[in-house]
Amino acid sequence: LDRKALPAPDASLLQQDYVAPKSDLEQRLAQIWQDVLSLDRVGRNDDFFALGGHSLQLVMLLSRIRSELGVELKIRDFHGLRTLGELAAYLEQDVSVQSQDAELDQIFGVLDELETENV
């Protein structure tokens, strides 16, 4: 087999019907995926591994997500979140839960101060 005679792979053939990223988070994630996978566009339904992503690129992706979005993900978390849309929904839910936890911590802190003042 003369591998040099073969045409370069076209990753766009592996992409699902293109559905543009909707939210700001999806757009930011899409840009990160495009950079890591060297693609022109990534849609909501595109699967990281089907687009040619591999374990080293996954580590690069998670590092970029951590540095640009401030979200810590583990490799095992990502395997159930293979599409951009699934990952964005997970991160939006996780950020919402963290925000609620922070609000509760603040409320309990105020309550603790009030109890101390009343003693």
PDB file of N, CA and C in Angstrom:
ATOM      1  N   LEU A   1       0.847  -1.177   0.000  1.00  0.00           N
ATOM      2  CA  LEU A   1       0.000   0.000   0.000  1.00  0.00           C
ATOM      3  C   LEU A   1       0.890   1.237   0.000  1.00  0.00           C
ATOM      4  N   ASP A   2       0.678   2.116  -0.942  1.00  0.00           N
ATOM      5  CA  ASP A   2       1.442   3.360  -1.034  1.00  0.00           C
ATOM      6  C   ASP A   2       0.699   4.434  -0.247  1.00  0.00           C
ATOM      7  N   ARG A   3       1.048   4.576   1.019  1.00  0.00           N
ATOM      8  CA  ARG A   3       0.355   5.519   1.906  1.00  0.00           C
ATOM      9  C   ARG A   3       0.513   6.971   1.443  1.00  0.00           C
ATOM     10  N   LYS A   4       1.618   7.286   0.821  1.00  0.00           N
ATOM     11  CA  LYS A   4       1.849   8.654   0.367  1.00  0.00           C
ATOM     12  C   LYS A   4       0.910   9.041  -0.774  1.00  0.00           C
ATOM     13  N   ALA A   5       0.407   8.058  -1.483  1.00  0.00           N
ATOM     14  CA  ALA A   5      -0.501   8.331  -2.597  1.00  0.00           C
ATOM     15  C   ALA A   5      -1.941   8.561  -2.137  1.00  0.00           C
ATOM     16  N   LEU A   6      -2.230   8.212  -0.882  1.00  0.00           N
ATOM     17  CA  LEU A   6      -3.584   8.389  -0.359  1.00  0.00           C
ATOM     18  C   LEU A   6      -3.869   9.864  -0.099  1.00  0.00           C
ATOM     19  N   PRO A   7      -5.121  10.290  -0.287  1.00  0.00           N
ATOM     20  CA  PRO A   7      -5.449  11.692   0.020  1.00  0.00           C
ATOM     21  C   PRO A   7      -5.422  11.917   1.531  1.00  0.00           C
ATOM     22  N   ALA A   8      -5.200  13.159   1.918  1.00  0.00           N
ATOM     23  CA  ALA A   8      -5.212  13.504   3.344  1.00  0.00           C
ATOM     24  C   ALA A   8      -6.611  13.270   3.888  1.00  0.00           C
ATOM     25  N   PRO A   9      -6.722  12.777   5.123  1.00  0.00           N
ATOM     26  CA  PRO A   9      -8.046  12.555   5.707  1.00  0.00           C
ATOM     27  C   PRO A   9      -8.808  13.866   5.817  1.00  0.00           C
ATOM     28  N   ASP A  10     -10.107  13.796   5.602  1.00  0.00           N
ATOM     29  CA  ASP A  10     -10.973  14.971   5.699  1.00  0.00           C
ATOM     30  C   ASP A  10     -11.864  14.793   6.913  1.00  0.00           C
ATOM     31  N   ALA A  11     -11.506  15.468   8.029  1.00  0.00           N
ATOM     32  CA  ALA A  11     -12.254  15.317   9.288  1.00  0.00           C
ATOM     33  C   ALA A  11     -13.682  15.799   9.159  1.00  0.00           C
ATOM     34  N   SER A  12     -13.948  16.688   8.199  1.00  0.00           N
ATOM     35  CA  SER A  12     -15.316  17.195   8.064  1.00  0.00           C
ATOM     36  C   SER A  12     -16.287  16.083   7.688  1.00  0.00           C
ATOM     37  N   LEU A  13     -15.799  15.018   7.066  1.00  0.00           N
ATOM     38  CA  LEU A  13     -16.665  13.893   6.718  1.00  0.00           C
ATOM     39  C   LEU A  13     -17.131  13.137   7.952  1.00  0.00           C
ATOM     40  N   LEU A  14     -16.391  13.271   9.037  1.00  0.00           N
ATOM     41  CA  LEU A  14     -16.737  12.580  10.276  1.00  0.00           C
ATOM     42  C   LEU A  14     -17.712  13.374  11.131  1.00  0.00           C
ATOM     43  N   GLN A  15     -17.905  14.631  10.805  1.00  0.00           N
ATOM     44  CA  GLN A  15     -18.780  15.471  11.605  1.00  0.00           C
ATOM     45  C   GLN A  15     -20.241  15.156  11.315  1.00  0.00           C
ATOM     46  N   GLN A  16     -21.044  15.263  12.354  1.00  0.00           N
ATOM     47  CA  GLN A  16     -22.484  15.102  12.221  1.00  0.00           C
ATOM     48  C   GLN A  16     -23.019  16.283  11.414  1.00  0.00           C
ATOM     49  N   ASP A  17     -24.311  16.240  11.096  1.00  0.00           N
ATOM     50  CA  ASP A  17     -24.925  17.422  10.497  1.00  0.00           C
ATOM     51  C   ASP A  17     -24.623  18.593  11.418  1.00  0.00           C
ATOM     52  N   TYR A  18     -24.072  19.633  10.845  1.00  0.00           N
ATOM     53  CA  TYR A  18     -23.588  20.738  11.654  1.00  0.00           C
ATOM     54  C   TYR A  18     -24.729  21.471  12.349  1.00  0.00           C
ATOM     55  N   VAL A  19     -24.608  21.564  13.664  1.00  0.00           N
ATOM     56  CA  VAL A  19     -25.507  22.372  14.479  1.00  0.00           C
ATOM     57  C   VAL A  19     -24.605  23.336  15.230  1.00  0.00           C
ATOM     58  N   ALA A  20     -24.761  24.608  14.948  1.00  0.00           N
ATOM     59  CA  ALA A  20     -23.879  25.624  15.515  1.00  0.00           C
ATOM     60  C   ALA A  20     -24.003  25.686  17.033  1.00  0.00           C
ATOM     61  N   PRO A  21     -22.893  25.963  17.720  1.00  0.00           N
ATOM     62  CA  PRO A  21     -22.946  26.176  19.168  1.00  0.00           C
ATOM     63  C   PRO A  21     -23.877  27.340  19.476  1.00  0.00           C
ATOM     64  N   LYS A  22     -24.686  27.188  20.538  1.00  0.00           N
ATOM     65  CA  LYS A  22     -25.683  28.201  20.863  1.00  0.00           C
ATOM     66  C   LYS A  22     -25.207  29.175  21.939  1.00  0.00           C
ATOM     67  N   SER A  23     -24.905  28.656  23.093  1.00  0.00           N
ATOM     68  CA  SER A  23     -24.563  29.515  24.235  1.00  0.00           C
ATOM     69  C   SER A  23     -23.122  30.017  24.128  1.00  0.00           C
ATOM     70  N   ASP A  24     -22.812  30.994  24.953  1.00  0.00           N
ATOM     71  CA  ASP A  24     -21.452  31.512  25.017  1.00  0.00           C
ATOM     72  C   ASP A  24     -20.480  30.393  25.403  1.00  0.00           C
ATOM     73  N   LEU A  25     -20.884  29.562  26.362  1.00  0.00           N
ATOM     74  CA  LEU A  25     -20.028  28.452  26.785  1.00  0.00           C
ATOM     75  C   LEU A  25     -19.779  27.484  25.633  1.00  0.00           C
ATOM     76  N   GLU A  26     -20.815  27.132  24.888  1.00  0.00           N
ATOM     77  CA  GLU A  26     -20.640  26.233  23.745  1.00  0.00           C
ATOM     78  C   GLU A  26     -19.696  26.840  22.711  1.00  0.00           C
ATOM     79  N   GLN A  27     -19.814  28.124  22.473  1.00  0.00           N
ATOM     80  CA  GLN A  27     -18.937  28.785  21.505  1.00  0.00           C
ATOM     81  C   GLN A  27     -17.486  28.777  21.981  1.00  0.00           C
ATOM     82  N   ARG A  28     -17.283  29.004  23.267  1.00  0.00           N
ATOM     83  CA  ARG A  28     -15.917  28.975  23.813  1.00  0.00           C
ATOM     84  C   ARG A  28     -15.334  27.569  23.743  1.00  0.00           C
ATOM     85  N   LEU A  29     -16.160  26.569  24.085  1.00  0.00           N
ATOM     86  CA  LEU A  29     -15.706  25.183  23.990  1.00  0.00           C
ATOM     87  C   LEU A  29     -15.404  24.805  22.541  1.00  0.00           C
ATOM     88  N   ALA A  30     -16.256  25.233  21.625  1.00  0.00           N
ATOM     89  CA  ALA A  30     -16.047  24.925  20.209  1.00  0.00           C
ATOM     90  C   ALA A  30     -14.711  25.478  19.733  1.00  0.00           C
ATOM     91  N   GLN A  31     -14.381  26.689  20.167  1.00  0.00           N
ATOM     92  CA  GLN A  31     -13.101  27.281  19.770  1.00  0.00           C
ATOM     93  C   GLN A  31     -11.929  26.464  20.315  1.00  0.00           C
ATOM     94  N   ILE A  32     -12.050  26.007  21.552  1.00  0.00           N
ATOM     95  CA  ILE A  32     -10.984  25.184  22.144  1.00  0.00           C
ATOM     96  C   ILE A  32     -10.858  23.880  21.366  1.00  0.00           C
ATOM     97  N   TRP A  33     -11.992  23.217  21.080  1.00  0.00           N
ATOM     98  CA  TRP A  33     -11.955  21.963  20.314  1.00  0.00           C
ATOM     99  C   TRP A  33     -11.322  22.194  18.943  1.00  0.00           C
ATOM    100  N   GLN A  34     -11.702  23.278  18.274  1.00  0.00           N
ATOM    101  CA  GLN A  34     -11.157  23.580  16.954  1.00  0.00           C
ATOM    102  C   GLN A  34      -9.645  23.735  17.024  1.00  0.00           C
ATOM    103  N   ASP A  35      -9.176  24.429  18.032  1.00  0.00           N
ATOM    104  CA  ASP A  35      -7.735  24.632  18.182  1.00  0.00           C
ATOM    105  C   ASP A  35      -7.012  23.311  18.438  1.00  0.00           C
ATOM    106  N   VAL A  36      -7.537  22.522  19.356  1.00  0.00           N
ATOM    107  CA  VAL A  36      -6.881  21.267  19.732  1.00  0.00           C
ATOM    108  C   VAL A  36      -6.910  20.261  18.581  1.00  0.00           C
ATOM    109  N   LEU A  37      -8.033  20.199  17.863  1.00  0.00           N
ATOM    110  CA  LEU A  37      -8.189  19.217  16.790  1.00  0.00           C
ATOM    111  C   LEU A  37      -7.794  19.753  15.416  1.00  0.00           C
ATOM    112  N   SER A  38      -7.395  21.017  15.350  1.00  0.00           N
ATOM    113  CA  SER A  38      -7.026  21.667  14.085  1.00  0.00           C
ATOM    114  C   SER A  38      -8.149  21.561  13.054  1.00  0.00           C
ATOM    115  N   LEU A  39      -9.346  21.965  13.456  1.00  0.00           N
ATOM    116  CA  LEU A  39     -10.514  21.948  12.577  1.00  0.00           C
ATOM    117  C   LEU A  39     -11.026  23.366  12.373  1.00  0.00           C
ATOM    118  N   ASP A  40     -11.765  23.567  11.299  1.00  0.00           N
ATOM    119  CA  ASP A  40     -12.334  24.879  10.999  1.00  0.00           C
ATOM    120  C   ASP A  40     -13.588  25.166  11.802  1.00  0.00           C
ATOM    121  N   ARG A  41     -14.356  24.122  12.097  1.00  0.00           N
ATOM    122  CA  ARG A  41     -15.567  24.323  12.884  1.00  0.00           C
ATOM    123  C   ARG A  41     -15.926  23.032  13.616  1.00  0.00           C
ATOM    124  N   VAL A  42     -16.597  23.211  14.746  1.00  0.00           N
ATOM    125  CA  VAL A  42     -17.080  22.096  15.549  1.00  0.00           C
ATOM    126  C   VAL A  42     -18.498  22.448  15.965  1.00  0.00           C
ATOM    127  N   GLY A  43     -19.409  21.503  15.797  1.00  0.00           N
ATOM    128  CA  GLY A  43     -20.803  21.733  16.149  1.00  0.00           C
ATOM    129  C   GLY A  43     -21.186  21.078  17.460  1.00  0.00           C
ATOM    130  N   ARG A  44     -22.406  21.351  17.889  1.00  0.00           N
ATOM    131  CA  ARG A  44     -22.913  20.850  19.170  1.00  0.00           C
ATOM    132  C   ARG A  44     -22.938  19.330  19.234  1.00  0.00           C
ATOM    133  N   ASN A  45     -23.200  18.672  18.114  1.00  0.00           N
ATOM    134  CA  ASN A  45     -23.369  17.219  18.120  1.00  0.00           C
ATOM    135  C   ASN A  45     -22.109  16.460  17.736  1.00  0.00           C
ATOM    136  N   ASP A  46     -21.022  17.167  17.524  1.00  0.00           N
ATOM    137  CA  ASP A  46     -19.787  16.508  17.123  1.00  0.00           C
ATOM    138  C   ASP A  46     -19.138  15.790  18.307  1.00  0.00           C
ATOM    139  N   ASP A  47     -18.645  14.591  18.029  1.00  0.00           N
ATOM    140  CA  ASP A  47     -18.009  13.733  19.018  1.00  0.00           C
ATOM    141  C   ASP A  47     -16.496  13.922  18.936  1.00  0.00           C
ATOM    142  N   PHE A  48     -15.883  14.230  20.053  1.00  0.00           N
ATOM    143  CA  PHE A  48     -14.446  14.500  20.109  1.00  0.00           C
ATOM    144  C   PHE A  48     -13.628  13.375  19.483  1.00  0.00           C
ATOM    145  N   PHE A  49     -13.927  12.146  19.828  1.00  0.00           N
ATOM    146  CA  PHE A  49     -13.136  11.018  19.341  1.00  0.00           C
ATOM    147  C   PHE A  49     -13.447  10.689  17.884  1.00  0.00           C
ATOM    148  N   ALA A  50     -14.686  10.875  17.470  1.00  0.00           N
ATOM    149  CA  ALA A  50     -15.042  10.643  16.067  1.00  0.00           C
ATOM    150  C   ALA A  50     -14.368  11.660  15.150  1.00  0.00           C
ATOM    151  N   LEU A  51     -14.050  12.835  15.701  1.00  0.00           N
ATOM    152  CA  LEU A  51     -13.354  13.856  14.927  1.00  0.00           C
ATOM    153  C   LEU A  51     -11.855  13.613  14.857  1.00  0.00           C
ATOM    154  N   GLY A  52     -11.410  12.512  15.426  1.00  0.00           N
ATOM    155  CA  GLY A  52      -9.992  12.177  15.376  1.00  0.00           C
ATOM    156  C   GLY A  52      -9.241  12.469  16.657  1.00  0.00           C
ATOM    157  N   GLY A  53      -9.949  12.921  17.679  1.00  0.00           N
ATOM    158  CA  GLY A  53      -9.303  13.201  18.952  1.00  0.00           C
ATOM    159  C   GLY A  53      -8.748  11.931  19.578  1.00  0.00           C
ATOM    160  N   HIS A  54      -7.623  12.037  20.233  1.00  0.00           N
ATOM    161  CA  HIS A  54      -7.022  10.898  20.925  1.00  0.00           C
ATOM    162  C   HIS A  54      -6.625  11.327  22.342  1.00  0.00           C
ATOM    163  N   SER A  55      -6.072  10.406  23.091  1.00  0.00           N
ATOM    164  CA  SER A  55      -5.828  10.644  24.518  1.00  0.00           C
ATOM    165  C   SER A  55      -4.915  11.836  24.783  1.00  0.00           C
ATOM    166  N   LEU A  56      -3.887  12.040  23.990  1.00  0.00           N
ATOM    167  CA  LEU A  56      -2.993  13.176  24.199  1.00  0.00           C
ATOM    168  C   LEU A  56      -3.740  14.490  23.931  1.00  0.00           C
ATOM    169  N   GLN A  57      -4.549  14.503  22.882  1.00  0.00           N
ATOM    170  CA  GLN A  57      -5.338  15.705  22.597  1.00  0.00           C
ATOM    171  C   GLN A  57      -6.381  15.943  23.685  1.00  0.00           C
ATOM    172  N   LEU A  58      -6.894  14.866  24.265  1.00  0.00           N
ATOM    173  CA  LEU A  58      -7.851  15.014  25.353  1.00  0.00           C
ATOM    174  C   LEU A  58      -7.198  15.704  26.550  1.00  0.00           C
ATOM    175  N   VAL A  59      -5.982  15.313  26.859  1.00  0.00           N
ATOM    176  CA  VAL A  59      -5.252  15.959  27.957  1.00  0.00           C
ATOM    177  C   VAL A  59      -5.040  17.442  27.635  1.00  0.00           C
ATOM    178  N   MET A  60      -4.696  17.744  26.387  1.00  0.00           N
ATOM    179  CA  MET A  60      -4.528  19.140  25.973  1.00  0.00           C
ATOM    180  C   MET A  60      -5.853  19.892  26.086  1.00  0.00           C
ATOM    181  N   LEU A  61      -6.938  19.246  25.687  1.00  0.00           N
ATOM    182  CA  LEU A  61      -8.260  19.860  25.763  1.00  0.00           C
ATOM    183  C   LEU A  61      -8.637  20.186  27.203  1.00  0.00           C
ATOM    184  N   LEU A  62      -8.453  19.222  28.096  1.00  0.00           N
ATOM    185  CA  LEU A  62      -8.799  19.431  29.502  1.00  0.00           C
ATOM    186  C   LEU A  62      -7.935  20.523  30.133  1.00  0.00           C
ATOM    187  N   SER A  63      -6.680  20.596  29.725  1.00  0.00           N
ATOM    188  CA  SER A  63      -5.789  21.642  30.220  1.00  0.00           C
ATOM    189  C   SER A  63      -6.265  23.018  29.754  1.00  0.00           C
ATOM    190  N   ARG A  64      -6.662  23.108  28.500  1.00  0.00           N
ATOM    191  CA  ARG A  64      -7.164  24.385  27.972  1.00  0.00           C
ATOM    192  C   ARG A  64      -8.468  24.790  28.652  1.00  0.00           C
ATOM    193  N   ILE A  65      -9.345  23.816  28.900  1.00  0.00           N
ATOM    194  CA  ILE A  65     -10.608  24.116  29.590  1.00  0.00           C
ATOM    195  C   ILE A  65     -10.319  24.647  30.993  1.00  0.00           C
ATOM    196  N   ARG A  66      -9.364  24.021  31.672  1.00  0.00           N
ATOM    197  CA  ARG A  66      -8.998  24.468  33.012  1.00  0.00           C
ATOM    198  C   ARG A  66      -8.429  25.882  32.972  1.00  0.00           C
ATOM    199  N   SER A  67      -7.521  26.150  32.047  1.00  0.00           N
ATOM    200  CA  SER A  67      -6.879  27.469  32.023  1.00  0.00           C
ATOM    201  C   SER A  67      -7.804  28.565  31.506  1.00  0.00           C
ATOM    202  N   GLU A  68      -8.662  28.269  30.542  1.00  0.00           N
ATOM    203  CA  GLU A  68      -9.499  29.310  29.947  1.00  0.00           C
ATOM    204  C   GLU A  68     -10.857  29.464  30.622  1.00  0.00           C
ATOM    205  N   LEU A  69     -11.386  28.371  31.168  1.00  0.00           N
ATOM    206  CA  LEU A  69     -12.714  28.431  31.776  1.00  0.00           C
ATOM    207  C   LEU A  69     -12.684  28.268  33.289  1.00  0.00           C
ATOM    208  N   GLY A  70     -11.532  27.881  33.825  1.00  0.00           N
ATOM    209  CA  GLY A  70     -11.412  27.711  35.270  1.00  0.00           C
ATOM    210  C   GLY A  70     -12.158  26.514  35.806  1.00  0.00           C
ATOM    211  N   VAL A  71     -12.350  25.505  34.963  1.00  0.00           N
ATOM    212  CA  VAL A  71     -13.093  24.307  35.358  1.00  0.00           C
ATOM    213  C   VAL A  71     -12.150  23.111  35.326  1.00  0.00           C
ATOM    214  N   GLU A  72     -12.126  22.371  36.409  1.00  0.00           N
ATOM    215  CA  GLU A  72     -11.269  21.185  36.522  1.00  0.00           C
ATOM    216  C   GLU A  72     -12.081  19.958  36.135  1.00  0.00           C
ATOM    217  N   LEU A  73     -11.667  19.298  35.062  1.00  0.00           N
ATOM    218  CA  LEU A  73     -12.296  18.044  34.631  1.00  0.00           C
ATOM    219  C   LEU A  73     -11.252  16.944  34.637  1.00  0.00           C
ATOM    220  N   LYS A  74     -11.697  15.761  34.941  1.00  0.00           N
ATOM    221  CA  LYS A  74     -10.822  14.589  34.890  1.00  0.00           C
ATOM    222  C   LYS A  74     -11.117  13.819  33.601  1.00  0.00           C
ATOM    223  N   ILE A  75     -10.165  13.043  33.163  1.00  0.00           N
ATOM    224  CA  ILE A  75     -10.343  12.261  31.938  1.00  0.00           C
ATOM    225  C   ILE A  75     -11.573  11.371  32.044  1.00  0.00           C
ATOM    226  N   ARG A  76     -11.778  10.759  33.189  1.00  0.00           N
ATOM    227  CA  ARG A  76     -12.920   9.852  33.336  1.00  0.00           C
ATOM    228  C   ARG A  76     -14.252  10.605  33.232  1.00  0.00           C
ATOM    229  N   ASP A  77     -14.270  11.884  33.625  1.00  0.00           N
ATOM    230  CA  ASP A  77     -15.485  12.696  33.484  1.00  0.00           C
ATOM    231  C   ASP A  77     -15.841  12.878  32.015  1.00  0.00           C
ATOM    232  N   PHE A  78     -14.832  13.043  31.194  1.00  0.00           N
ATOM    233  CA  PHE A  78     -15.045  13.372  29.792  1.00  0.00           C
ATOM    234  C   PHE A  78     -15.618  12.214  28.984  1.00  0.00           C
ATOM    235  N   HIS A  79     -15.335  10.989  29.363  1.00  0.00           N
ATOM    236  CA  HIS A  79     -15.754   9.852  28.532  1.00  0.00           C
ATOM    237  C   HIS A  79     -17.261   9.709  28.425  1.00  0.00           C
ATOM    238  N   GLY A  80     -18.007  10.215  29.363  1.00  0.00           N
ATOM    239  CA  GLY A  80     -19.461  10.197  29.244  1.00  0.00           C
ATOM    240  C   GLY A  80     -19.996  11.450  28.573  1.00  0.00           C
ATOM    241  N   LEU A  81     -19.100  12.355  28.206  1.00  0.00           N
ATOM    242  CA  LEU A  81     -19.487  13.659  27.653  1.00  0.00           C
ATOM    243  C   LEU A  81     -18.770  13.886  26.333  1.00  0.00           C
ATOM    244  N   ARG A  82     -18.990  13.026  25.392  1.00  0.00           N
ATOM    245  CA  ARG A  82     -18.181  13.025  24.175  1.00  0.00           C
ATOM    246  C   ARG A  82     -18.542  14.120  23.178  1.00  0.00           C
ATOM    247  N   THR A  83     -19.771  14.620  23.201  1.00  0.00           N
ATOM    248  CA  THR A  83     -20.124  15.685  22.260  1.00  0.00           C
ATOM    249  C   THR A  83     -19.974  17.042  22.928  1.00  0.00           C
ATOM    250  N   LEU A  84     -19.804  18.035  22.110  1.00  0.00           N
ATOM    251  CA  LEU A  84     -19.658  19.389  22.616  1.00  0.00           C
ATOM    252  C   LEU A  84     -20.892  19.807  23.405  1.00  0.00           C
ATOM    253  N   GLY A  85     -22.068  19.477  22.914  1.00  0.00           N
ATOM    254  CA  GLY A  85     -23.302  19.825  23.608  1.00  0.00           C
ATOM    255  C   GLY A  85     -23.418  19.161  24.967  1.00  0.00           C
ATOM    256  N   GLU A  86     -23.036  17.884  25.038  1.00  0.00           N
ATOM    257  CA  GLU A  86     -23.081  17.169  26.323  1.00  0.00           C
ATOM    258  C   GLU A  86     -22.108  17.783  27.321  1.00  0.00           C
ATOM    259  N   LEU A  87     -20.920  18.111  26.850  1.00  0.00           N
ATOM    260  CA  LEU A  87     -19.917  18.704  27.730  1.00  0.00           C
ATOM    261  C   LEU A  87     -20.384  20.067  28.235  1.00  0.00           C
ATOM    262  N   ALA A  88     -20.935  20.887  27.343  1.00  0.00           N
ATOM    263  CA  ALA A  88     -21.411  22.209  27.748  1.00  0.00           C
ATOM    264  C   ALA A  88     -22.537  22.094  28.771  1.00  0.00           C
ATOM    265  N   ALA A  89     -23.479  21.178  28.543  1.00  0.00           N
ATOM    266  CA  ALA A  89     -24.589  21.002  29.493  1.00  0.00           C
ATOM    267  C   ALA A  89     -24.060  20.570  30.857  1.00  0.00           C
ATOM    268  N   TYR A  90     -23.089  19.670  30.872  1.00  0.00           N
ATOM    269  CA  TYR A  90     -22.494  19.208  32.122  1.00  0.00           C
ATOM    270  C   TYR A  90     -21.811  20.369  32.849  1.00  0.00           C
ATOM    271  N   LEU A  91     -21.037  21.160  32.109  1.00  0.00           N
ATOM    272  CA  LEU A  91     -20.323  22.274  32.729  1.00  0.00           C
ATOM    273  C   LEU A  91     -21.292  23.339  33.231  1.00  0.00           C
ATOM    274  N   GLU A  92     -22.349  23.611  32.478  1.00  0.00           N
ATOM    275  CA  GLU A  92     -23.341  24.590  32.926  1.00  0.00           C
ATOM    276  C   GLU A  92     -24.019  24.126  34.209  1.00  0.00           C
ATOM    277  N   GLN A  93     -24.326  22.842  34.298  1.00  0.00           N
ATOM    278  CA  GLN A  93     -24.937  22.284  35.510  1.00  0.00           C
ATOM    279  C   GLN A  93     -23.947  22.348  36.663  1.00  0.00           C
ATOM    280  N   ASP A  94     -22.703  21.978  36.415  1.00  0.00           N
ATOM    281  CA  ASP A  94     -21.677  21.967  37.448  1.00  0.00           C
ATOM    282  C   ASP A  94     -21.419  23.377  37.967  1.00  0.00           C
ATOM    283  N   VAL A  95     -21.342  24.355  37.072  1.00  0.00           N
ATOM    284  CA  VAL A  95     -21.119  25.747  37.477  1.00  0.00           C
ATOM    285  C   VAL A  95     -22.307  26.238  38.283  1.00  0.00           C
ATOM    286  N   SER A  96     -23.520  25.843  37.882  1.00  0.00           N
ATOM    287  CA  SER A  96     -24.722  26.240  38.617  1.00  0.00           C
ATOM    288  C   SER A  96     -24.696  25.683  40.033  1.00  0.00           C
ATOM    289  N   VAL A  97     -24.308  24.418  40.166  1.00  0.00           N
ATOM    290  CA  VAL A  97     -24.231  23.787  41.491  1.00  0.00           C
ATOM    291  C   VAL A  97     -23.162  24.470  42.336  1.00  0.00           C
ATOM    292  N   GLN A  98     -22.009  24.772  41.747  1.00  0.00           N
ATOM    293  CA  GLN A  98     -20.944  25.449  42.487  1.00  0.00           C
ATOM    294  C   GLN A  98     -21.388  26.834  42.923  1.00  0.00           C
ATOM    295  N   SER A  99     -22.125  27.525  42.052  1.00  0.00           N
ATOM    296  CA  SER A  99     -22.620  28.855  42.383  1.00  0.00           C
ATOM    297  C   SER A  99     -23.602  28.785  43.546  1.00  0.00           C
ATOM    298  N   GLN A 100     -24.494  27.787  43.522  1.00  0.00           N
ATOM    299  CA  GLN A 100     -25.445  27.616  44.613  1.00  0.00           C
ATOM    300  C   GLN A 100     -24.724  27.287  45.916  1.00  0.00           C
ATOM    301  N   ASP A 101     -23.710  26.437  45.840  1.00  0.00           N
ATOM    302  CA  ASP A 101     -22.925  26.098  47.034  1.00  0.00           C
ATOM    303  C   ASP A 101     -22.244  27.337  47.599  1.00  0.00           C
ATOM    304  N   ALA A 102     -21.707  28.181  46.731  1.00  0.00           N
ATOM    305  CA  ALA A 102     -21.035  29.405  47.184  1.00  0.00           C
ATOM    306  C   ALA A 102     -22.035  30.339  47.857  1.00  0.00           C
ATOM    307  N   GLU A 103     -23.243  30.441  47.284  1.00  0.00           N
ATOM    308  CA  GLU A 103     -24.275  31.296  47.886  1.00  0.00           C
ATOM    309  C   GLU A 103     -24.667  30.763  49.255  1.00  0.00           C
ATOM    310  N   LEU A 104     -24.825  29.450  49.365  1.00  0.00           N
ATOM    311  CA  LEU A 104     -25.170  28.859  50.665  1.00  0.00           C
ATOM    312  C   LEU A 104     -24.062  29.087  51.682  1.00  0.00           C
ATOM    313  N   ASP A 105     -22.818  28.942  51.265  1.00  0.00           N
ATOM    314  CA  ASP A 105     -21.693  29.200  52.166  1.00  0.00           C
ATOM    315  C   ASP A 105     -21.719  30.640  52.665  1.00  0.00           C
ATOM    316  N   GLN A 106     -22.043  31.566  51.778  1.00  0.00           N
ATOM    317  CA  GLN A 106     -22.108  32.967  52.159  1.00  0.00           C
ATOM    318  C   GLN A 106     -23.252  33.197  53.154  1.00  0.00           C
ATOM    319  N   ILE A 107     -24.392  32.597  52.911  1.00  0.00           N
ATOM    320  CA  ILE A 107     -25.546  32.742  53.811  1.00  0.00           C
ATOM    321  C   ILE A 107     -25.213  32.182  55.191  1.00  0.00           C
ATOM    322  N   PHE A 108     -24.628  30.985  55.220  1.00  0.00           N
ATOM    323  CA  PHE A 108     -24.276  30.381  56.505  1.00  0.00           C
ATOM    324  C   PHE A 108     -23.228  31.213  57.228  1.00  0.00           C
ATOM    325  N   GLY A 109     -22.313  31.834  56.484  1.00  0.00           N
ATOM    326  CA  GLY A 109     -21.317  32.702  57.091  1.00  0.00           C
ATOM    327  C   GLY A 109     -21.962  33.904  57.773  1.00  0.00           C
ATOM    328  N   VAL A 110     -22.945  34.505  57.105  1.00  0.00           N
ATOM    329  CA  VAL A 110     -23.667  35.639  57.683  1.00  0.00           C
ATOM    330  C   VAL A 110     -24.427  35.196  58.930  1.00  0.00           C
ATOM    331  N   LEU A 111     -25.079  34.017  58.849  1.00  0.00           N
ATOM    332  CA  LEU A 111     -25.810  33.488  60.007  1.00  0.00           C
ATOM    333  C   LEU A 111     -24.882  33.240  61.185  1.00  0.00           C
ATOM    334  N   ASP A 112     -23.707  32.711  60.916  1.00  0.00           N
ATOM    335  CA  ASP A 112     -22.729  32.471  61.980  1.00  0.00           C
ATOM    336  C   ASP A 112     -22.316  33.785  62.631  1.00  0.00           C
ATOM    337  N   GLU A 113     -22.126  34.837  61.831  1.00  0.00           N
ATOM    338  CA  GLU A 113     -21.761  36.141  62.368  1.00  0.00           C
ATOM    339  C   GLU A 113     -22.889  36.718  63.228  1.00  0.00           C
ATOM    340  N   LEU A 114     -24.140  36.529  62.770  1.00  0.00           N
ATOM    341  CA  LEU A 114     -25.277  37.026  63.535  1.00  0.00           C
ATOM    342  C   LEU A 114     -25.380  36.312  64.885  1.00  0.00           C
ATOM    343  N   GLU A 115     -25.164  34.997  64.866  1.00  0.00           N
ATOM    344  CA  GLU A 115     -25.236  34.242  66.124  1.00  0.00           C
ATOM    345  C   GLU A 115     -24.142  34.695  67.083  1.00  0.00           C
ATOM    346  N   THR A 116     -22.949  34.973  66.568  1.00  0.00           N
ATOM    347  CA  THR A 116     -21.833  35.427  67.393  1.00  0.00           C
ATOM    348  C   THR A 116     -22.149  36.804  67.982  1.00  0.00           C
ATOM    349  N   GLU A 117     -22.734  37.672  67.175  1.00  0.00           N
ATOM    350  CA  GLU A 117     -23.074  39.011  67.657  1.00  0.00           C
ATOM    351  C   GLU A 117     -24.152  38.958  68.744  1.00  0.00           C
ATOM    352  N   ASN A 118     -25.077  38.028  68.648  1.00  0.00           N
ATOM    353  CA  ASN A 118     -26.165  37.917  69.609  1.00  0.00           C
ATOM    354  C   ASN A 118     -25.733  37.259  70.915  1.00  0.00           C
ATOM    355  N   VAL A 119     -24.589  36.587  70.919  1.00  0.00           N
ATOM    356  CA  VAL A 119     -24.126  35.901  72.124  1.00  0.00           C
ATOM    357  C   VAL A 119     -23.555  36.870  73.042  1.00  0.00           C
TER     358      VAL A 119
END
